[in-house]
Amino acid sequence: MKISRITSLSDNIALSLKATRVRIIAPIPGKGTVGIEVPNKNRADVLIREVLSSDEYLNNART
């Protein structure tokens, strides 16, 4: 699928996900993939040390 086709579908993707909007990063630099960011209704401050010490990060950082 062409990247232009994916980016042109951003409004339809947002509607399908019941989101106010989505952000499409195409392509993700250094990768052959496309990213779709969906805003979270519940915002929260996150400290970088919490992320770096989380099990999810530690288990996936080395892959």
Protein backbone atom coordinates (compact mmCIF):
# COMPACT_ATOMS: atom_id res chain seq x y z
CA MET A 1 0.00 0.00 0.00
CA LYS A 2 1.30 3.46 -0.83
CA ILE A 3 2.09 5.82 2.04
CA SER A 4 0.01 8.57 0.44
CA ARG A 5 -3.03 6.28 0.58
CA ILE A 6 -2.52 5.64 4.31
CA THR A 7 -2.06 9.32 5.15
CA SER A 8 -5.15 10.25 3.13
CA LEU A 9 -7.19 7.89 5.32
CA SER A 10 -6.35 9.65 8.61
CA ASP A 11 -9.87 11.07 9.05
CA ASN A 12 -11.45 7.68 8.39
CA ILE A 13 -9.04 6.00 10.82
CA ALA A 14 -9.87 8.57 13.51
CA LEU A 15 -13.58 8.05 12.95
CA SER A 16 -13.23 4.26 13.14
CA LEU A 17 -11.25 4.54 16.38
CA LYS A 18 -13.69 7.12 17.80
CA ALA A 19 -10.80 9.53 18.26
CA THR A 20 -10.84 13.27 17.66
CA ARG A 21 -7.83 12.90 15.40
CA VAL A 22 -4.87 10.66 14.67
CA ARG A 23 -1.31 11.50 13.71
CA ILE A 24 0.30 9.40 11.03
CA ILE A 25 4.09 9.17 10.86
CA ALA A 26 4.97 7.73 7.49
CA PRO A 27 7.48 6.29 7.21
CA ILE A 28 9.00 6.01 10.68
CA PRO A 29 12.60 7.20 10.22
CA GLY A 30 15.01 4.29 9.89
CA LYS A 31 12.27 1.70 9.55
CA GLY A 32 9.99 0.48 6.81
CA THR A 33 6.88 0.99 8.91
CA VAL A 34 4.10 3.51 9.44
CA GLY A 35 3.12 4.81 12.87
CA ILE A 36 -0.36 5.88 13.91
CA GLU A 37 -0.66 7.92 17.11
CA VAL A 38 -4.05 8.05 18.79
CA PRO A 39 -4.46 10.64 21.55
CA ASN A 40 -5.26 9.35 25.02
CA LYS A 41 -8.27 10.97 26.72
CA ASN A 42 -6.66 10.61 30.16
CA ARG A 43 -3.44 12.56 30.24
CA ALA A 44 -0.86 11.87 32.91
CA ASP A 45 2.66 13.03 33.62
CA VAL A 46 5.20 10.26 33.15
CA LEU A 47 8.71 10.42 34.54
CA ILE A 48 11.42 9.03 32.28
CA ARG A 49 12.84 6.96 35.15
CA GLU A 50 9.44 5.24 35.48
CA VAL A 51 9.58 4.28 31.81
CA LEU A 52 13.21 3.15 31.87
CA SER A 53 12.70 1.02 34.98
CA SER A 54 9.43 -0.58 33.86
CA ASP A 55 9.31 -4.32 33.16
CA GLU A 56 7.95 -3.65 29.66
CA TYR A 57 10.93 -1.47 28.79
CA LEU A 58 13.53 -3.72 30.39
CA ASN A 59 12.14 -6.82 28.66
CA ASN A 60 11.97 -5.16 25.23
CA ALA A 61 14.92 -2.78 25.27
CA ARG A 62 17.34 -5.53 24.33
CA THR A 63 15.37 -6.94 21.40
